[in-house]
Amino acid sequence: MTVDLGTILTAVVTPFDAQGRVDDAAAVALLRHLMDHGCDGVVVCGTTGEAATLDDAEHLPFIELMVTEMRAAHPHGKVIAGVGSNDTRHASKLTAAATALRPDALLSVNPYYNRPSRRGIIKHYEAVNGSTDLPIVLYNIPQRTGADMSNDLVAELAQNFEHIIALKQANPDNVAKIDGVQLYAGNDDLLATVLDMGEAGGILTGSHIFGDEMKRMVMEPENRAQIDASLADVYRDMAIAPAACSVKAALNMIGVPVGGPRLPYVELDDSEAAVIRALLERHGLLEVASA
């Protein structure tokens, strides 16, 4: 099954106010910014969205907010809701509850920290698949989960469970076509490679700031390598801190207020912030923000 979820998808940050509460108004403004700057949709409540620090009473209303706003203001945009958990019971309940909010698809990471066997991962996704009628995008990020989902395992999951249709691949060593699975780059610096393969696109973080350039990589394949090279400092400098931290700092600097991160993440220190500020200055974005 092929489902068009868009090409440039942003793994969106969750804005917080000065008291550390989810800031709905800032989230709506952020969505407008993203959809005006090259994005086809958003992935909410993922790693960059600090889902690990959201309880279900925050997580589900935030999905609902993004779905409602996207449908009203950007009807062609897509919303993919993060529903990952390393507790299969919780993942299934979260999947079912998110499904009721009718996003376009769900993002489901393999269980992290407890590192189940291959049979355990299959049983986990059997339960998740049975909890929804929406398309499921798998998420392979072994540097965070502690366990790599091999391409043959992903193919088996897609063959056995009808709702699994795509993969966000954040392991560069595993970037390859997989029968029956649409491939999304899970790291910004993999986007050009994945597009050159004729695959679906990317679930990205730099697109919060550089979405227009990333969309050009889709629309101008003849210039893709040049555009990718021009973003090399973006891939490098945005990685100076966890994505939620560096992205929030950059957005705040360009005049899109999203607040700071929640602990255990912390705001950038002066030297880290200077790297992000210099990056934005090199790309002319601080001039735009102050104009």
Protein backbone atom coordinates (compact mmCIF):
# COMPACT_ATOMS: atom_id res chain seq x y z
CA MET A 1 0.00 0.00 0.00
CA THR A 2 1.33 3.43 -0.99
CA VAL A 3 0.12 6.48 0.91
CA ASP A 4 1.10 10.03 0.01
CA LEU A 5 2.22 11.63 3.27
CA GLY A 6 4.25 14.35 1.59
CA THR A 7 7.97 14.73 1.02
CA ILE A 8 9.27 17.37 3.45
CA LEU A 9 7.88 16.52 6.87
CA THR A 10 9.05 18.36 9.98
CA ALA A 11 9.54 16.53 13.26
CA VAL A 12 8.03 19.48 15.06
CA VAL A 13 9.09 20.80 18.45
CA THR A 14 6.50 21.17 21.20
CA PRO A 15 6.35 24.83 22.33
CA PHE A 16 6.26 25.50 26.06
CA ASP A 17 5.36 28.72 27.84
CA ALA A 18 7.29 30.39 30.65
CA GLN A 19 5.70 28.03 33.18
CA GLY A 20 6.69 24.96 31.15
CA ARG A 21 3.16 24.24 29.93
CA VAL A 22 2.33 23.29 26.35
CA ASP A 23 1.74 26.58 24.51
CA ASP A 24 -1.13 26.07 22.08
CA ALA A 25 -0.98 29.53 20.55
CA ALA A 26 2.73 29.23 19.86
CA ALA A 27 2.13 25.79 18.32
CA VAL A 28 -0.45 27.18 15.91
CA ALA A 29 1.90 30.00 14.90
CA LEU A 30 4.74 27.51 14.45
CA LEU A 31 2.59 25.32 12.23
CA ARG A 32 1.78 28.34 10.08
CA HIS A 33 5.49 29.15 9.80
CA LEU A 34 6.34 25.59 8.75
CA MET A 35 3.57 25.31 6.18
CA ASP A 36 4.58 28.67 4.71
CA HIS A 37 8.18 27.54 4.32
CA GLY A 38 8.32 24.38 2.29
CA CYS A 39 6.84 21.75 4.60
CA ASP A 40 4.22 19.26 3.45
CA GLY A 41 3.30 18.24 6.97
CA VAL A 42 4.46 17.63 10.50
CA VAL A 43 5.31 14.75 12.79
CA VAL A 44 4.10 15.61 16.29
CA CYS A 45 5.07 14.16 19.65
CA GLY A 46 8.23 12.50 18.43
CA THR A 47 11.77 12.73 19.78
CA THR A 48 12.21 16.36 18.74
CA GLY A 49 8.76 17.04 20.16
CA GLU A 50 10.06 15.91 23.58
CA ALA A 51 7.40 13.19 23.74
CA ALA A 52 9.32 11.52 26.54
CA THR A 53 8.44 14.48 28.78
CA LEU A 54 4.76 14.69 27.79
CA ASP A 55 2.17 12.79 29.76
CA ASP A 56 -0.86 11.43 27.92
CA ALA A 57 -2.98 14.35 29.13
CA GLU A 58 -0.62 16.64 27.15
CA HIS A 59 0.34 14.26 24.35
CA LEU A 60 -3.14 13.52 23.00
CA PRO A 61 -4.52 17.09 23.15
CA PHE A 62 -1.43 18.30 21.28
CA ILE A 63 -2.09 15.78 18.50
CA GLU A 64 -5.71 16.93 18.42
CA LEU A 65 -4.66 20.58 18.22
CA MET A 66 -2.32 19.95 15.32
CA VAL A 67 -4.88 17.86 13.43
CA THR A 68 -7.62 20.44 13.95
CA GLU A 69 -5.44 23.37 12.93
CA MET A 70 -4.01 21.58 9.90
CA ARG A 71 -7.44 20.64 8.62
CA ALA A 72 -8.74 24.18 9.10
CA ALA A 73 -5.83 26.26 7.86
CA HIS A 74 -3.73 23.93 5.69
CA PRO A 75 -6.12 21.28 4.32
CA HIS A 76 -3.50 19.68 2.08
CA GLY A 77 -0.99 19.28 4.92
CA LYS A 78 -0.36 16.00 6.70
CA VAL A 79 -0.11 15.20 10.40
CA ILE A 80 1.72 12.11 11.60
CA ALA A 81 1.29 11.42 15.30
CA GLY A 82 4.04 9.88 17.41
CA VAL A 83 2.73 6.96 19.47
CA GLY A 84 5.91 5.14 20.47
CA SER A 85 6.48 3.48 23.83
CA ASN A 86 8.67 0.67 25.11
CA ASP A 87 5.64 -0.64 27.01
CA THR A 88 3.51 -2.48 24.47
CA ARG A 89 0.34 -1.98 26.49
CA HIS A 90 0.92 1.76 26.60
CA ALA A 91 1.91 1.89 22.92
CA SER A 92 -1.31 0.10 21.98
CA LYS A 93 -3.48 2.36 24.14
CA LEU A 94 -1.74 5.47 22.84
CA THR A 95 -2.10 4.22 19.27
CA ALA A 96 -5.82 3.63 19.72
CA ALA A 97 -6.37 6.99 21.40
CA ALA A 98 -4.39 8.86 18.72
CA THR A 99 -6.25 7.00 15.99
CA ALA A 100 -9.52 8.42 17.31
CA LEU A 101 -8.13 11.92 16.64
CA ARG A 102 -7.69 11.03 12.94
CA PRO A 103 -4.20 12.17 12.00
CA ASP A 104 -3.03 11.01 8.59
CA ALA A 105 -0.64 8.40 9.96
CA LEU A 106 1.20 7.26 13.07
CA LEU A 107 4.92 7.12 13.87
CA SER A 108 5.94 4.12 15.96
CA VAL A 109 9.49 3.61 17.22
CA ASN A 110 10.67 0.14 18.17
CA PRO A 111 10.83 -0.46 21.95
CA TYR A 112 13.79 1.35 23.46
CA TYR A 113 15.96 0.63 26.48
CA ASN A 114 14.52 -2.84 27.20
CA ARG A 115 15.82 -4.09 23.81
CA PRO A 116 13.44 -6.98 23.06
CA SER A 117 14.38 -9.86 20.76
CA ARG A 118 13.30 -9.97 17.13
CA ARG A 119 10.28 -12.05 18.15
CA GLY A 120 9.46 -9.49 20.82
CA ILE A 121 9.58 -6.63 18.31
CA ILE A 122 7.27 -8.55 15.97
CA LYS A 123 4.80 -9.20 18.77
CA HIS A 124 4.99 -5.54 19.81
CA TYR A 125 4.06 -4.38 16.31
CA GLU A 126 1.35 -7.01 16.03
CA ALA A 127 -0.33 -5.33 19.01
CA VAL A 128 0.25 -1.81 17.67
CA ASN A 129 -1.02 -2.74 14.20
CA GLY A 130 -4.15 -4.21 15.73
CA SER A 131 -4.89 -0.96 17.57
CA THR A 132 -5.38 1.24 14.51
CA ASP A 133 -6.76 1.51 11.00
CA LEU A 134 -4.29 4.26 10.08
CA PRO A 135 -1.00 3.93 8.19
CA ILE A 136 1.99 3.29 10.43
CA VAL A 137 5.47 4.70 9.82
CA LEU A 138 8.13 2.70 11.62
CA TYR A 139 11.06 4.56 13.14
CA ASN A 140 14.54 3.05 13.30
CA ILE A 141 16.97 5.06 15.39
CA PRO A 142 19.36 2.61 17.08
CA GLN A 143 21.51 5.37 18.57
CA ARG A 144 18.54 6.15 20.84
CA THR A 145 16.73 2.81 21.17
CA GLY A 146 19.79 0.64 21.65
CA ALA A 147 18.47 -1.82 19.05
CA ASP A 148 18.67 -1.70 15.27
CA MET A 149 15.76 -2.90 13.13
CA SER A 150 17.40 -4.57 10.15
CA ASN A 151 15.90 -4.05 6.72
CA ASP A 152 14.80 -7.66 6.52
CA LEU A 153 12.93 -7.26 9.81
CA VAL A 154 11.24 -4.11 8.51
CA ALA A 155 10.25 -5.97 5.35
CA GLU A 156 8.81 -8.81 7.44
CA LEU A 157 6.81 -6.39 9.57
CA ALA A 158 5.38 -4.66 6.50
CA GLN A 159 4.50 -7.98 4.92
CA ASN A 160 2.76 -9.31 8.01
CA PHE A 161 0.98 -6.18 9.27
CA GLU A 162 -1.17 -4.35 6.75
CA HIS A 163 -0.98 -0.88 8.28
CA ILE A 164 2.84 -0.64 8.22
CA ILE A 165 3.65 1.29 5.06
CA ALA A 166 6.80 3.36 5.65
CA LEU A 167 10.05 3.70 7.58
CA LYS A 168 11.81 6.70 9.04
CA GLN A 169 15.39 5.52 8.73
CA ALA A 170 17.94 7.19 11.02
CA ASN A 171 20.65 4.56 10.60
CA PRO A 172 22.82 5.57 7.61
CA ASP A 173 24.13 2.01 7.27
CA ASN A 174 20.61 0.74 6.57
CA VAL A 175 19.57 3.24 3.90
CA ALA A 176 18.29 1.03 1.10
CA LYS A 177 15.09 0.24 -0.74
CA ILE A 178 12.80 -2.21 1.07
CA ASP A 179 10.02 -3.99 -0.78
CA GLY A 180 6.61 -2.69 0.23
CA VAL A 181 7.99 0.15 2.38
CA GLN A 182 8.25 3.85 1.61
CA LEU A 183 11.54 5.26 2.88
CA TYR A 184 11.95 8.57 4.70
CA ALA A 185 15.30 10.02 5.69
CA GLY A 186 15.47 10.19 9.48
CA ASN A 187 18.57 12.40 9.49
CA ASP A 188 18.70 15.68 7.58
CA ASP A 189 21.96 14.80 5.89
CA LEU A 190 20.36 11.69 4.38
CA LEU A 191 17.62 13.59 2.54
CA ALA A 192 19.49 14.01 -0.75
CA THR A 193 20.48 10.35 -0.78
CA VAL A 194 16.93 9.18 -0.15
CA LEU A 195 15.53 11.51 -2.82
CA ASP A 196 18.14 10.31 -5.31
CA MET A 197 16.86 6.78 -4.67
CA GLY A 198 13.40 7.89 -5.75
CA GLU A 199 12.05 7.38 -2.24
CA ALA A 200 9.44 9.32 -0.28
CA GLY A 201 11.39 12.14 1.37
CA GLY A 202 12.49 13.06 4.87
CA ILE A 203 11.23 13.52 8.41
CA LEU A 204 13.50 16.37 9.30
CA THR A 205 14.46 18.85 12.00
CA GLY A 206 16.40 21.49 10.07
CA SER A 207 13.24 22.13 8.06
CA HIS A 208 11.99 24.20 11.00
CA ILE A 209 14.43 26.83 9.76
CA PHE A 210 15.54 25.73 6.27
CA GLY A 211 12.33 24.21 4.92
CA ASP A 212 12.37 26.26 1.71
CA GLU A 213 15.84 25.03 0.79
CA MET A 214 14.95 21.44 1.61
CA LYS A 215 11.82 21.69 -0.55
CA ARG A 216 14.00 22.95 -3.39
CA MET A 217 15.92 19.68 -3.14
CA VAL A 218 12.65 17.96 -4.07
CA MET A 219 11.55 20.40 -6.75
CA GLU A 220 14.96 20.95 -8.37
CA PRO A 221 16.65 17.56 -8.68
CA GLU A 222 19.20 19.02 -11.06
CA ASN A 223 20.37 21.35 -8.26
CA ARG A 224 19.96 18.85 -5.41
CA ALA A 225 23.64 18.13 -4.85
CA GLN A 226 24.49 21.83 -4.81
CA ILE A 227 21.68 22.65 -2.37
CA ASP A 228 22.68 19.73 -0.15
CA ALA A 229 26.28 20.96 -0.09
CA SER A 230 25.10 24.47 0.83
CA LEU A 231 23.36 22.98 3.90
CA ALA A 232 26.40 21.08 5.17
CA ASP A 233 26.98 23.65 7.91
CA VAL A 234 23.30 23.30 8.92
CA TYR A 235 23.68 19.56 9.42
CA ARG A 236 26.87 20.15 11.38
CA ASP A 237 25.94 23.11 13.58
CA MET A 238 22.37 22.16 14.43
CA ALA A 239 23.82 18.99 15.95
CA ILE A 240 25.70 20.98 18.59
CA ALA A 241 22.94 20.02 21.05
CA PRO A 242 19.92 17.69 21.03
CA ALA A 243 17.63 18.69 18.17
CA ALA A 244 14.85 19.98 20.41
CA CYS A 245 17.31 22.34 22.08
CA SER A 246 19.10 23.68 19.00
CA VAL A 247 15.91 23.99 16.95
CA LYS A 248 14.08 25.84 19.71
CA ALA A 249 17.03 28.22 20.10
CA ALA A 250 17.11 28.89 16.35
CA LEU A 251 13.36 29.45 16.13
CA ASN A 252 13.43 31.87 19.04
CA MET A 253 16.28 33.75 17.39
CA ILE A 254 14.43 34.21 14.09
CA GLY A 255 11.28 35.44 15.82
CA VAL A 256 9.19 32.28 16.02
CA PRO A 257 8.78 31.92 19.80
CA VAL A 258 8.58 28.36 21.10
CA GLY A 259 10.04 28.67 24.60
CA GLY A 260 12.72 26.40 25.97
CA PRO A 261 13.00 22.64 26.42
CA ARG A 262 11.93 20.59 29.43
CA LEU A 263 14.38 18.84 31.67
CA PRO A 264 16.43 16.76 31.23
CA TYR A 265 17.05 18.92 28.15
CA VAL A 266 18.47 22.36 28.90
CA GLU A 267 18.73 25.57 26.92
CA LEU A 268 21.90 26.22 24.97
CA ASP A 269 24.81 27.79 26.80
CA ASP A 270 26.44 30.93 25.45
CA SER A 271 28.99 29.14 23.27
CA GLU A 272 26.38 26.81 21.77
CA ALA A 273 23.99 29.68 21.13
CA ALA A 274 26.79 31.58 19.39
CA VAL A 275 27.23 28.68 16.95
CA ILE A 276 23.52 28.73 16.09
CA ARG A 277 23.46 32.52 15.79
CA ALA A 278 26.45 32.48 13.45
CA LEU A 279 24.78 29.80 11.34
CA LEU A 280 21.64 31.89 10.99
CA GLU A 281 23.68 34.97 10.15
CA ARG A 282 25.58 33.13 7.42
CA HIS A 283 22.29 32.10 5.84
CA GLY A 284 20.79 35.58 6.15
CA LEU A 285 17.98 34.52 8.44
CA LEU A 286 18.60 36.91 11.30
CA GLU A 287 18.40 39.79 8.84
CA VAL A 288 15.01 38.51 7.70
CA ALA A 289 13.80 38.19 11.28
CA SER A 290 14.80 41.73 12.19
CA ALA A 291 13.51 43.33 8.97
